[in-house]
């Protein structure tokens, strides 16, 4: 989806410098120093406009959160939400990440959220999908024992692909539903902007939680 251009985007992003991290690769193994506590750290890759991550952070103030988003015009709204909610336990990375291990040390994260990721529908782009098997294993490297990866999508093909990749990678499924909002996991679910839009039209939401 093409993102609208925002005038003076760099200047506007600079207004939220207290929430953003520059040179995040230099913090590998030292992320607890960013939050000045020993609370568990959760990561959302592709936070969009921030509804999910800011709601999660407000619900669990005893946890820390890192949100990654490369689209500047989109993440601007997420930064605005975090500021409006006075979130003190969220930091943002304004970039795209190829290998999560370049940014986080082994076991440094408590869990990872992947919400409505780009499906990259062409077969030749399969390796770009955030649930490609190699990427899933990379996530597992930086998640501590007992942690998990949670994935949601409205895209049936991407979900089928993800399940195949999970099996091939030898990972264990903890929870799964092809209609999350009608499932036993619905009460604990925190939605994204996309999710609300899709669900309002009756579209089912696919969900899987994987042990890292």
N, C-alpha and C. Protein backbone atom coordinates (compact mmCIF):
# COMPACT_ATOMS: atom_id res chain seq x y z
N UNK A 1 0.85 -1.20 0.00
CA UNK A 1 0.00 0.00 0.00
C UNK A 1 0.88 1.25 0.00
N UNK A 2 0.62 2.19 -0.90
CA UNK A 2 1.41 3.41 -0.97
C UNK A 2 1.08 4.30 0.21
N UNK A 3 2.12 4.80 0.88
CA UNK A 3 1.94 5.66 2.03
C UNK A 3 1.95 7.12 1.59
N UNK A 4 1.06 7.90 2.18
CA UNK A 4 0.99 9.32 1.83
C UNK A 4 2.23 10.06 2.34
N UNK A 5 2.64 11.06 1.57
CA UNK A 5 3.78 11.86 1.98
C UNK A 5 3.34 12.89 3.00
N UNK A 6 4.20 13.12 3.97
CA UNK A 6 3.91 14.10 5.01
C UNK A 6 4.97 15.20 4.94
N UNK A 7 4.52 16.41 4.91
CA UNK A 7 5.42 17.55 4.81
C UNK A 7 6.31 17.63 6.05
N UNK A 8 7.59 17.92 5.83
CA UNK A 8 8.55 18.10 6.92
C UNK A 8 8.61 16.88 7.83
N UNK A 9 8.56 15.69 7.23
CA UNK A 9 8.50 14.46 8.02
C UNK A 9 9.71 14.31 8.94
N UNK A 10 10.90 14.65 8.46
CA UNK A 10 12.10 14.51 9.28
C UNK A 10 12.03 15.40 10.52
N UNK A 11 11.59 16.63 10.32
CA UNK A 11 11.47 17.56 11.44
C UNK A 11 10.43 17.06 12.45
N UNK A 12 9.34 16.54 11.94
CA UNK A 12 8.28 16.06 12.83
C UNK A 12 8.74 14.84 13.61
N UNK A 13 9.50 13.96 12.96
CA UNK A 13 10.02 12.79 13.66
C UNK A 13 11.02 13.20 14.74
N UNK A 14 11.77 14.25 14.48
CA UNK A 14 12.75 14.73 15.46
C UNK A 14 12.08 15.19 16.75
N UNK A 15 10.82 15.57 16.66
CA UNK A 15 10.09 15.99 17.85
C UNK A 15 9.89 14.84 18.83
N UNK A 16 10.08 13.61 18.34
CA UNK A 16 9.86 12.43 19.18
C UNK A 16 11.18 11.69 19.45
N UNK A 17 12.27 12.43 19.45
CA UNK A 17 13.58 11.81 19.61
C UNK A 17 13.73 11.05 20.92
N UNK A 18 12.97 11.42 21.94
CA UNK A 18 13.05 10.74 23.23
C UNK A 18 12.51 9.31 23.15
N UNK A 19 11.70 9.04 22.12
CA UNK A 19 11.11 7.71 21.97
C UNK A 19 11.83 6.84 20.95
N UNK A 20 12.70 7.44 20.17
CA UNK A 20 13.35 6.70 19.08
C UNK A 20 14.79 6.37 19.43
N UNK A 21 15.28 5.29 18.83
CA UNK A 21 16.64 4.81 19.07
C UNK A 21 17.47 4.97 17.80
N UNK A 22 18.57 5.65 17.91
CA UNK A 22 19.52 5.76 16.82
C UNK A 22 20.63 4.73 17.01
N UNK A 23 21.17 4.23 15.92
CA UNK A 23 22.24 3.23 15.97
C UNK A 23 21.89 2.05 16.88
N UNK A 24 20.75 1.43 16.67
CA UNK A 24 20.31 0.34 17.56
C UNK A 24 21.23 -0.86 17.59
N UNK A 25 22.01 -1.08 16.53
CA UNK A 25 22.92 -2.22 16.52
C UNK A 25 23.97 -2.11 17.62
N UNK A 26 24.27 -0.90 18.04
CA UNK A 26 25.25 -0.69 19.11
C UNK A 26 24.69 -1.10 20.47
N UNK A 27 23.39 -1.34 20.55
CA UNK A 27 22.77 -1.70 21.82
C UNK A 27 22.60 -3.22 21.98
N UNK A 28 23.07 -3.97 21.02
CA UNK A 28 22.96 -5.43 21.10
C UNK A 28 23.55 -5.92 22.42
N UNK A 29 22.75 -6.66 23.18
CA UNK A 29 23.17 -7.17 24.47
C UNK A 29 23.05 -6.18 25.61
N UNK A 30 22.62 -4.95 25.30
CA UNK A 30 22.56 -3.89 26.33
C UNK A 30 21.22 -3.16 26.35
N UNK A 31 20.17 -3.80 25.85
CA UNK A 31 18.89 -3.11 25.74
C UNK A 31 18.29 -2.75 27.09
N UNK A 32 18.61 -3.48 28.14
CA UNK A 32 18.06 -3.15 29.46
C UNK A 32 18.52 -1.77 29.92
N UNK A 33 19.67 -1.33 29.42
CA UNK A 33 20.16 0.00 29.82
C UNK A 33 19.30 1.11 29.23
N UNK A 34 18.61 0.80 28.14
CA UNK A 34 17.72 1.80 27.51
C UNK A 34 16.53 2.09 28.42
N UNK A 35 16.03 1.04 29.06
CA UNK A 35 14.85 1.19 29.92
C UNK A 35 15.20 1.38 31.39
N UNK A 36 16.47 1.18 31.71
CA UNK A 36 16.94 1.34 33.09
C UNK A 36 16.23 0.43 34.08
N UNK A 37 15.92 -0.80 33.63
CA UNK A 37 15.33 -1.79 34.53
C UNK A 37 15.58 -3.18 33.95
N UNK A 38 15.17 -4.19 34.70
CA UNK A 38 15.36 -5.57 34.27
C UNK A 38 14.07 -6.22 33.79
N UNK A 39 13.09 -5.43 33.43
CA UNK A 39 11.81 -5.96 32.99
C UNK A 39 11.97 -6.68 31.65
N UNK A 40 11.14 -7.70 31.39
CA UNK A 40 11.21 -8.39 30.10
C UNK A 40 10.91 -7.45 28.94
N UNK A 41 11.55 -7.72 27.81
CA UNK A 41 11.42 -6.87 26.63
C UNK A 41 10.72 -7.62 25.51
N UNK A 42 9.66 -7.04 24.99
CA UNK A 42 8.91 -7.61 23.87
C UNK A 42 9.07 -6.72 22.64
N UNK A 43 9.09 -7.35 21.48
CA UNK A 43 9.33 -6.64 20.23
C UNK A 43 8.17 -6.85 19.25
N UNK A 44 7.73 -5.77 18.62
CA UNK A 44 6.78 -5.88 17.51
C UNK A 44 7.49 -5.44 16.24
N UNK A 45 7.51 -6.31 15.24
CA UNK A 45 8.12 -5.99 13.96
C UNK A 45 7.03 -5.53 13.01
N UNK A 46 7.06 -4.26 12.62
CA UNK A 46 6.03 -3.68 11.78
C UNK A 46 4.87 -3.19 12.62
N UNK A 47 5.11 -2.15 13.41
CA UNK A 47 4.08 -1.70 14.37
C UNK A 47 2.99 -0.86 13.72
N UNK A 48 3.18 -0.44 12.47
CA UNK A 48 2.15 0.37 11.82
C UNK A 48 1.88 1.65 12.59
N UNK A 49 0.61 1.99 12.76
CA UNK A 49 0.23 3.23 13.44
C UNK A 49 0.24 3.12 14.95
N UNK A 50 0.60 1.94 15.46
CA UNK A 50 0.90 1.82 16.89
C UNK A 50 -0.22 1.44 17.83
N UNK A 51 -1.40 1.13 17.31
CA UNK A 51 -2.51 0.81 18.22
C UNK A 51 -2.18 -0.40 19.09
N UNK A 52 -1.63 -1.45 18.47
CA UNK A 52 -1.33 -2.68 19.21
C UNK A 52 -0.29 -2.44 20.29
N UNK A 53 0.85 -1.88 19.92
CA UNK A 53 1.97 -1.77 20.85
C UNK A 53 1.68 -0.79 21.98
N UNK A 54 0.99 0.31 21.70
CA UNK A 54 0.69 1.28 22.76
C UNK A 54 -0.36 0.73 23.72
N UNK A 55 -1.32 -0.03 23.20
CA UNK A 55 -2.33 -0.64 24.07
C UNK A 55 -1.68 -1.70 24.96
N UNK A 56 -0.81 -2.50 24.36
CA UNK A 56 -0.10 -3.54 25.11
C UNK A 56 0.74 -2.91 26.22
N UNK A 57 1.46 -1.86 25.87
CA UNK A 57 2.33 -1.21 26.85
C UNK A 57 1.54 -0.62 28.02
N UNK A 58 0.36 -0.09 27.73
CA UNK A 58 -0.49 0.46 28.79
C UNK A 58 -1.05 -0.66 29.68
N UNK A 59 -1.35 -1.79 29.08
CA UNK A 59 -1.92 -2.92 29.84
C UNK A 59 -0.87 -3.60 30.70
N UNK A 60 0.39 -3.60 30.22
CA UNK A 60 1.45 -4.30 30.95
C UNK A 60 2.61 -3.33 31.24
N UNK A 61 2.43 -2.42 32.18
CA UNK A 61 3.49 -1.46 32.50
C UNK A 61 4.73 -2.11 33.10
N UNK A 62 4.61 -3.36 33.52
CA UNK A 62 5.75 -4.08 34.09
C UNK A 62 6.62 -4.72 33.02
N UNK A 63 6.28 -4.52 31.76
CA UNK A 63 7.07 -5.01 30.63
C UNK A 63 7.59 -3.83 29.82
N UNK A 64 8.65 -4.08 29.07
CA UNK A 64 9.18 -3.10 28.12
C UNK A 64 8.87 -3.53 26.70
N UNK A 65 8.75 -2.55 25.80
CA UNK A 65 8.39 -2.85 24.42
C UNK A 65 9.26 -2.06 23.44
N UNK A 66 9.62 -2.73 22.36
CA UNK A 66 10.33 -2.10 21.26
C UNK A 66 9.49 -2.29 20.00
N UNK A 67 9.25 -1.21 19.28
CA UNK A 67 8.45 -1.26 18.06
C UNK A 67 9.32 -0.90 16.87
N UNK A 68 9.26 -1.73 15.83
CA UNK A 68 10.03 -1.48 14.61
C UNK A 68 9.07 -1.11 13.48
N UNK A 69 9.38 -0.04 12.77
CA UNK A 69 8.57 0.36 11.61
C UNK A 69 9.43 1.21 10.68
N UNK A 70 9.51 0.80 9.43
CA UNK A 70 10.32 1.51 8.46
C UNK A 70 9.61 2.61 7.71
N UNK A 71 8.27 2.56 7.67
CA UNK A 71 7.51 3.61 6.97
C UNK A 71 7.41 4.84 7.88
N UNK A 72 8.10 5.90 7.51
CA UNK A 72 8.14 7.09 8.36
C UNK A 72 6.76 7.71 8.56
N UNK A 73 5.97 7.81 7.49
CA UNK A 73 4.66 8.44 7.61
C UNK A 73 3.72 7.64 8.50
N UNK A 74 3.95 6.33 8.58
CA UNK A 74 3.11 5.47 9.41
C UNK A 74 3.55 5.54 10.87
N UNK A 75 4.85 5.43 11.08
CA UNK A 75 5.36 5.40 12.46
C UNK A 75 5.16 6.74 13.15
N UNK A 76 5.02 7.81 12.39
CA UNK A 76 4.76 9.11 13.00
C UNK A 76 3.49 9.05 13.85
N UNK A 77 2.47 8.40 13.34
CA UNK A 77 1.22 8.28 14.10
C UNK A 77 1.43 7.42 15.35
N UNK A 78 2.25 6.38 15.24
CA UNK A 78 2.53 5.54 16.40
C UNK A 78 3.25 6.34 17.48
N UNK A 79 4.17 7.18 17.07
CA UNK A 79 4.90 8.02 18.02
C UNK A 79 3.95 9.03 18.68
N UNK A 80 3.02 9.55 17.91
CA UNK A 80 2.04 10.47 18.47
C UNK A 80 1.17 9.77 19.52
N UNK A 81 0.77 8.53 19.21
CA UNK A 81 -0.06 7.78 20.16
C UNK A 81 0.69 7.50 21.45
N UNK A 82 1.95 7.08 21.31
CA UNK A 82 2.75 6.78 22.50
C UNK A 82 2.92 8.02 23.37
N UNK A 83 3.06 9.17 22.72
CA UNK A 83 3.19 10.42 23.46
C UNK A 83 1.89 10.79 24.14
N UNK A 84 0.78 10.66 23.43
CA UNK A 84 -0.53 10.97 23.99
C UNK A 84 -0.84 10.10 25.20
N UNK A 85 -0.40 8.83 25.14
CA UNK A 85 -0.66 7.89 26.22
C UNK A 85 0.41 7.95 27.31
N UNK A 86 1.40 8.83 27.11
CA UNK A 86 2.49 8.99 28.07
C UNK A 86 3.17 7.66 28.36
N UNK A 87 3.43 6.91 27.30
CA UNK A 87 4.05 5.59 27.42
C UNK A 87 5.53 5.75 27.77
N UNK A 88 5.92 5.18 28.88
CA UNK A 88 7.32 5.26 29.32
C UNK A 88 8.07 3.95 29.09
N UNK A 89 7.37 2.94 28.59
CA UNK A 89 7.98 1.61 28.42
C UNK A 89 8.02 1.17 26.96
N UNK A 90 8.05 2.14 26.03
CA UNK A 90 8.16 1.83 24.60
C UNK A 90 9.29 2.64 23.98
N UNK A 91 10.05 1.99 23.11
CA UNK A 91 11.02 2.67 22.26
C UNK A 91 10.77 2.23 20.82
N UNK A 92 11.14 3.07 19.86
CA UNK A 92 10.87 2.81 18.45
C UNK A 92 12.17 2.78 17.64
N UNK A 93 12.23 1.83 16.70
CA UNK A 93 13.31 1.76 15.73
C UNK A 93 12.73 2.11 14.37
N UNK A 94 13.20 3.16 13.76
CA UNK A 94 12.64 3.65 12.50
C UNK A 94 13.46 3.13 11.32
N UNK A 95 13.39 1.82 11.10
CA UNK A 95 14.14 1.22 10.01
C UNK A 95 13.62 -0.17 9.71
N UNK A 96 14.16 -0.76 8.64
CA UNK A 96 13.83 -2.13 8.27
C UNK A 96 14.97 -3.03 8.75
N UNK A 97 14.63 -4.23 9.16
CA UNK A 97 15.63 -5.15 9.69
C UNK A 97 15.67 -6.42 8.86
N UNK A 98 16.87 -6.81 8.46
CA UNK A 98 17.04 -8.05 7.70
C UNK A 98 17.29 -9.24 8.61
N UNK A 99 18.21 -9.06 9.57
CA UNK A 99 18.55 -10.14 10.49
C UNK A 99 18.45 -9.62 11.91
N UNK A 100 17.48 -10.11 12.65
CA UNK A 100 17.22 -9.63 14.01
C UNK A 100 18.42 -9.82 14.92
N UNK A 101 19.29 -10.77 14.59
CA UNK A 101 20.45 -11.06 15.43
C UNK A 101 21.50 -9.97 15.36
N UNK A 102 21.38 -9.06 14.40
CA UNK A 102 22.29 -7.92 14.33
C UNK A 102 21.96 -6.88 15.40
N UNK A 103 20.76 -6.98 15.99
CA UNK A 103 20.28 -5.97 16.92
C UNK A 103 20.12 -6.47 18.34
N UNK A 104 19.89 -7.78 18.49
CA UNK A 104 19.62 -8.34 19.81
C UNK A 104 20.49 -9.57 20.06
N UNK A 105 20.90 -9.72 21.31
CA UNK A 105 21.75 -10.85 21.69
C UNK A 105 20.88 -12.07 21.98
N UNK A 106 21.52 -13.20 22.10
CA UNK A 106 20.79 -14.45 22.36
C UNK A 106 20.00 -14.34 23.67
N UNK A 107 18.70 -14.63 23.58
CA UNK A 107 17.85 -14.60 24.75
C UNK A 107 17.53 -13.23 25.31
N UNK A 108 17.78 -12.18 24.54
CA UNK A 108 17.59 -10.82 25.06
C UNK A 108 16.12 -10.40 25.08
N UNK A 109 15.30 -11.02 24.23
CA UNK A 109 13.88 -10.68 24.16
C UNK A 109 13.02 -11.72 24.85
N UNK A 110 11.86 -11.29 25.36
CA UNK A 110 10.91 -12.21 25.97
C UNK A 110 9.91 -12.75 24.95
N UNK A 111 9.74 -12.04 23.84
CA UNK A 111 8.80 -12.48 22.82
C UNK A 111 8.77 -11.51 21.65
N UNK A 112 8.19 -11.99 20.53
CA UNK A 112 8.09 -11.18 19.32
C UNK A 112 6.66 -11.25 18.77
N UNK A 113 6.15 -10.11 18.34
CA UNK A 113 4.83 -10.01 17.72
C UNK A 113 4.98 -9.66 16.25
N UNK A 114 4.29 -10.40 15.40
CA UNK A 114 4.24 -10.13 13.96
C UNK A 114 2.76 -9.97 13.60
N UNK A 115 2.35 -8.76 13.32
CA UNK A 115 0.94 -8.49 13.06
C UNK A 115 0.72 -7.97 11.64
N UNK A 116 -0.02 -8.74 10.85
CA UNK A 116 -0.44 -8.33 9.51
C UNK A 116 0.75 -7.87 8.66
N UNK A 117 1.75 -8.73 8.64
CA UNK A 117 2.97 -8.46 7.88
C UNK A 117 2.68 -8.47 6.38
N UNK A 118 3.52 -7.78 5.63
CA UNK A 118 3.43 -7.78 4.17
C UNK A 118 3.47 -9.22 3.66
N UNK A 119 2.48 -9.67 2.90
CA UNK A 119 2.45 -11.07 2.45
C UNK A 119 3.44 -11.41 1.35
N UNK A 120 3.98 -10.38 0.67
CA UNK A 120 4.90 -10.65 -0.45
C UNK A 120 4.37 -11.82 -1.28
N UNK A 121 3.28 -11.64 -2.00
CA UNK A 121 2.55 -12.75 -2.63
C UNK A 121 3.29 -13.51 -3.72
N UNK A 122 4.28 -12.90 -4.38
CA UNK A 122 4.97 -13.60 -5.45
C UNK A 122 5.93 -14.64 -4.87
N UNK A 123 5.94 -15.82 -5.47
CA UNK A 123 6.78 -16.91 -4.97
C UNK A 123 8.25 -16.53 -4.86
N UNK A 124 8.73 -15.75 -5.81
CA UNK A 124 10.15 -15.40 -5.80
C UNK A 124 10.52 -14.47 -4.63
N UNK A 125 9.51 -13.95 -3.95
CA UNK A 125 9.76 -13.07 -2.81
C UNK A 125 9.54 -13.78 -1.47
N UNK A 126 9.42 -15.09 -1.49
CA UNK A 126 9.11 -15.83 -0.27
C UNK A 126 10.08 -15.55 0.87
N UNK A 127 11.36 -15.38 0.54
CA UNK A 127 12.37 -15.17 1.57
C UNK A 127 12.23 -13.81 2.24
N UNK A 128 11.44 -12.93 1.65
CA UNK A 128 11.24 -11.61 2.26
C UNK A 128 10.14 -11.64 3.32
N UNK A 129 9.35 -12.68 3.33
CA UNK A 129 8.24 -12.76 4.29
C UNK A 129 8.80 -12.90 5.70
N UNK A 130 8.18 -12.21 6.62
CA UNK A 130 8.69 -12.21 7.99
C UNK A 130 8.53 -13.54 8.68
N UNK A 131 7.73 -14.43 8.09
CA UNK A 131 7.57 -15.77 8.68
C UNK A 131 8.28 -16.84 7.87
N UNK A 132 9.20 -16.44 7.01
CA UNK A 132 10.04 -17.40 6.31
C UNK A 132 10.83 -18.19 7.36
N UNK A 133 11.00 -19.49 7.12
CA UNK A 133 11.58 -20.37 8.12
C UNK A 133 12.89 -19.89 8.72
N UNK A 134 13.79 -19.40 7.87
CA UNK A 134 15.09 -18.92 8.36
C UNK A 134 14.91 -17.75 9.31
N UNK A 135 13.96 -16.87 9.00
CA UNK A 135 13.70 -15.73 9.88
C UNK A 135 13.13 -16.20 11.22
N UNK A 136 12.22 -17.17 11.18
CA UNK A 136 11.64 -17.69 12.42
C UNK A 136 12.73 -18.21 13.35
N UNK A 137 13.69 -18.91 12.79
CA UNK A 137 14.78 -19.46 13.59
C UNK A 137 15.68 -18.34 14.12
N UNK A 138 15.83 -17.29 13.35
CA UNK A 138 16.60 -16.14 13.82
C UNK A 138 15.89 -15.49 15.01
N UNK A 139 14.56 -15.38 14.94
CA UNK A 139 13.81 -14.84 16.07
C UNK A 139 14.03 -15.70 17.31
N UNK A 140 14.00 -17.01 17.11
CA UNK A 140 14.17 -17.92 18.25
C UNK A 140 15.52 -17.72 18.92
N UNK A 141 16.52 -17.36 18.16
CA UNK A 141 17.86 -17.14 18.72
C UNK A 141 17.88 -16.00 19.73
N UNK A 142 17.05 -14.99 19.52
CA UNK A 142 17.11 -13.81 20.39
C UNK A 142 16.01 -13.80 21.46
N UNK A 143 15.16 -14.83 21.45
CA UNK A 143 14.10 -14.94 22.46
C UNK A 143 14.55 -15.89 23.56
N UNK A 144 14.32 -15.52 24.79
CA UNK A 144 14.75 -16.31 25.92
C UNK A 144 13.91 -17.59 26.05
N UNK A 145 14.40 -18.53 26.82
CA UNK A 145 13.67 -19.79 27.03
C UNK A 145 12.31 -19.49 27.65
N UNK A 146 11.29 -20.13 27.11
CA UNK A 146 9.93 -19.90 27.58
C UNK A 146 9.20 -18.80 26.84
N UNK A 147 9.91 -18.10 25.95
CA UNK A 147 9.29 -17.03 25.17
C UNK A 147 8.58 -17.57 23.95
N UNK A 148 7.95 -16.67 23.20
CA UNK A 148 7.15 -17.12 22.06
C UNK A 148 7.10 -16.07 20.96
N UNK A 149 6.70 -16.52 19.79
CA UNK A 149 6.44 -15.67 18.63
C UNK A 149 4.94 -15.73 18.37
N UNK A 150 4.29 -14.58 18.25
CA UNK A 150 2.87 -14.54 17.94
C UNK A 150 2.66 -13.87 16.59
N UNK A 151 1.85 -14.50 15.76
CA UNK A 151 1.63 -14.02 14.40
C UNK A 151 0.15 -13.95 14.09
N UNK A 152 -0.28 -12.82 13.50
CA UNK A 152 -1.67 -12.66 13.07
C UNK A 152 -1.69 -12.15 11.63
N UNK A 153 -2.67 -12.64 10.86
CA UNK A 153 -2.82 -12.17 9.49
C UNK A 153 -4.24 -12.46 9.00
N UNK A 154 -4.69 -11.66 8.05
CA UNK A 154 -5.95 -11.93 7.39
C UNK A 154 -5.73 -12.71 6.10
N UNK A 155 -4.46 -12.87 5.72
CA UNK A 155 -4.10 -13.48 4.44
C UNK A 155 -3.98 -15.00 4.58
N UNK A 156 -4.90 -15.71 3.94
CA UNK A 156 -4.94 -17.17 4.08
C UNK A 156 -3.68 -17.83 3.51
N UNK A 157 -3.24 -17.35 2.36
CA UNK A 157 -2.06 -17.93 1.73
C UNK A 157 -0.82 -17.75 2.59
N UNK A 158 -0.67 -16.57 3.16
CA UNK A 158 0.47 -16.32 4.03
C UNK A 158 0.39 -17.18 5.29
N UNK A 159 -0.79 -17.38 5.80
CA UNK A 159 -0.94 -18.21 6.99
C UNK A 159 -0.58 -19.66 6.69
N UNK A 160 -1.05 -20.17 5.56
CA UNK A 160 -0.71 -21.54 5.16
C UNK A 160 0.80 -21.67 4.98
N UNK A 161 1.39 -20.68 4.34
CA UNK A 161 2.85 -20.66 4.15
C UNK A 161 3.55 -20.69 5.51
N UNK A 162 3.08 -19.89 6.43
CA UNK A 162 3.69 -19.81 7.76
C UNK A 162 3.61 -21.14 8.49
N UNK A 163 2.48 -21.80 8.41
CA UNK A 163 2.34 -23.10 9.08
C UNK A 163 3.32 -24.11 8.49
N UNK A 164 3.50 -24.08 7.19
CA UNK A 164 4.48 -24.97 6.54
C UNK A 164 5.89 -24.66 7.02
N UNK A 165 6.20 -23.38 7.14
CA UNK A 165 7.53 -22.97 7.58
C UNK A 165 7.78 -23.36 9.04
N UNK A 166 6.76 -23.26 9.86
CA UNK A 166 6.87 -23.67 11.26
C UNK A 166 7.19 -25.16 11.36
N UNK A 167 6.47 -25.95 10.57
CA UNK A 167 6.70 -27.39 10.58
C UNK A 167 8.10 -27.73 10.07
N UNK A 168 8.49 -27.10 8.97
CA UNK A 168 9.82 -27.36 8.41
C UNK A 168 10.93 -26.97 9.38
N UNK A 169 10.73 -25.89 10.11
CA UNK A 169 11.74 -25.42 11.05
C UNK A 169 11.75 -26.24 12.35
N UNK A 170 10.75 -27.10 12.51
CA UNK A 170 10.70 -27.94 13.70
C UNK A 170 10.25 -27.21 14.95
N UNK A 171 9.46 -26.16 14.78
CA UNK A 171 8.99 -25.38 15.91
C UNK A 171 7.64 -25.88 16.40
N UNK A 172 7.35 -25.64 17.67
CA UNK A 172 6.12 -26.14 18.29
C UNK A 172 5.05 -25.06 18.34
N UNK A 173 3.85 -25.41 17.90
CA UNK A 173 2.71 -24.50 17.97
C UNK A 173 2.06 -24.62 19.35
N UNK A 174 1.90 -23.49 20.02
CA UNK A 174 1.27 -23.45 21.33
C UNK A 174 -0.22 -23.13 21.24
N UNK A 175 -0.57 -22.22 20.33
CA UNK A 175 -1.96 -21.82 20.13
C UNK A 175 -2.18 -21.57 18.65
N UNK A 176 -3.39 -21.87 18.17
CA UNK A 176 -3.67 -21.62 16.76
C UNK A 176 -5.17 -21.47 16.54
N UNK A 177 -5.54 -20.56 15.66
CA UNK A 177 -6.94 -20.40 15.29
C UNK A 177 -7.02 -19.75 13.92
N UNK A 178 -7.97 -20.19 13.12
CA UNK A 178 -8.24 -19.56 11.83
C UNK A 178 -9.38 -18.56 11.93
N UNK A 179 -9.89 -18.37 13.12
CA UNK A 179 -10.90 -17.35 13.36
C UNK A 179 -10.71 -16.84 14.78
N UNK A 180 -9.69 -16.03 14.96
CA UNK A 180 -9.25 -15.60 16.29
C UNK A 180 -10.36 -14.98 17.10
N UNK A 181 -11.16 -14.11 16.50
CA UNK A 181 -12.16 -13.37 17.25
C UNK A 181 -13.32 -14.25 17.73
N UNK A 182 -13.42 -15.45 17.18
CA UNK A 182 -14.45 -16.38 17.63
C UNK A 182 -13.85 -17.53 18.43
N UNK A 183 -12.59 -17.41 18.77
CA UNK A 183 -11.88 -18.50 19.43
C UNK A 183 -11.76 -18.28 20.93
N UNK A 184 -11.20 -19.28 21.60
CA UNK A 184 -10.97 -19.20 23.05
C UNK A 184 -9.90 -18.17 23.40
N UNK A 185 -9.16 -17.70 22.40
CA UNK A 185 -8.09 -16.74 22.65
C UNK A 185 -8.54 -15.29 22.47
N UNK A 186 -9.80 -15.11 22.12
CA UNK A 186 -10.30 -13.77 21.76
C UNK A 186 -10.22 -12.78 22.92
N UNK A 187 -10.52 -13.21 24.13
CA UNK A 187 -10.56 -12.28 25.26
C UNK A 187 -9.20 -11.66 25.55
N UNK A 188 -8.14 -12.40 25.28
CA UNK A 188 -6.79 -11.89 25.56
C UNK A 188 -6.20 -11.12 24.38
N UNK A 189 -6.92 -11.09 23.27
CA UNK A 189 -6.39 -10.48 22.05
C UNK A 189 -6.43 -8.96 22.10
N UNK A 190 -5.33 -8.35 21.68
CA UNK A 190 -5.25 -6.90 21.50
C UNK A 190 -5.15 -6.65 20.01
N UNK A 191 -5.99 -5.78 19.50
CA UNK A 191 -6.11 -5.62 18.05
C UNK A 191 -5.21 -4.52 17.50
N UNK A 192 -5.02 -4.60 16.17
CA UNK A 192 -4.33 -3.55 15.42
C UNK A 192 -5.38 -2.76 14.62
N UNK A 193 -4.95 -1.67 14.01
CA UNK A 193 -5.87 -0.90 13.16
C UNK A 193 -6.37 -1.74 11.99
N UNK A 194 -5.46 -2.48 11.35
CA UNK A 194 -5.85 -3.34 10.24
C UNK A 194 -6.85 -4.40 10.70
N UNK A 195 -6.57 -4.97 11.84
CA UNK A 195 -7.43 -6.03 12.36
C UNK A 195 -8.85 -5.54 12.59
N UNK A 196 -8.98 -4.37 13.18
CA UNK A 196 -10.32 -3.81 13.41
C UNK A 196 -11.05 -3.61 12.09
N UNK A 197 -10.32 -3.13 11.09
CA UNK A 197 -10.92 -2.88 9.78
C UNK A 197 -11.40 -4.18 9.15
N UNK A 198 -10.54 -5.20 9.15
CA UNK A 198 -10.89 -6.47 8.54
C UNK A 198 -12.03 -7.16 9.29
N UNK A 199 -11.94 -7.17 10.60
CA UNK A 199 -12.95 -7.85 11.41
C UNK A 199 -14.32 -7.20 11.27
N UNK A 200 -14.35 -5.89 11.07
CA UNK A 200 -15.63 -5.18 10.93
C UNK A 200 -16.38 -5.58 9.67
N UNK A 201 -15.65 -6.13 8.69
CA UNK A 201 -16.28 -6.59 7.45
C UNK A 201 -16.59 -8.08 7.49
N UNK A 202 -16.31 -8.72 8.63
CA UNK A 202 -16.58 -10.15 8.77
C UNK A 202 -15.42 -11.03 8.37
N UNK A 203 -14.28 -10.44 8.08
CA UNK A 203 -13.10 -11.21 7.66
C UNK A 203 -12.52 -11.94 8.86
N UNK A 204 -12.21 -13.22 8.69
CA UNK A 204 -11.61 -13.97 9.79
C UNK A 204 -10.13 -13.60 9.94
N UNK A 205 -9.66 -13.68 11.18
CA UNK A 205 -8.27 -13.37 11.49
C UNK A 205 -7.56 -14.67 11.87
N UNK A 206 -6.46 -14.96 11.20
CA UNK A 206 -5.67 -16.15 11.49
C UNK A 206 -4.63 -15.83 12.56
N UNK A 207 -4.39 -16.78 13.45
CA UNK A 207 -3.49 -16.54 14.58
C UNK A 207 -2.73 -17.81 14.93
N UNK A 208 -1.45 -17.64 15.21
CA UNK A 208 -0.65 -18.76 15.70
C UNK A 208 0.40 -18.24 16.68
N UNK A 209 0.61 -19.01 17.75
CA UNK A 209 1.63 -18.70 18.74
C UNK A 209 2.61 -19.85 18.75
N UNK A 210 3.90 -19.53 18.61
CA UNK A 210 4.94 -20.53 18.46
C UNK A 210 5.91 -20.46 19.63
N UNK A 211 6.29 -21.59 20.16
CA UNK A 211 7.32 -21.59 21.20
C UNK A 211 8.67 -21.31 20.56
N UNK A 212 9.39 -20.38 21.12
CA UNK A 212 10.71 -20.01 20.56
C UNK A 212 11.78 -20.98 21.02
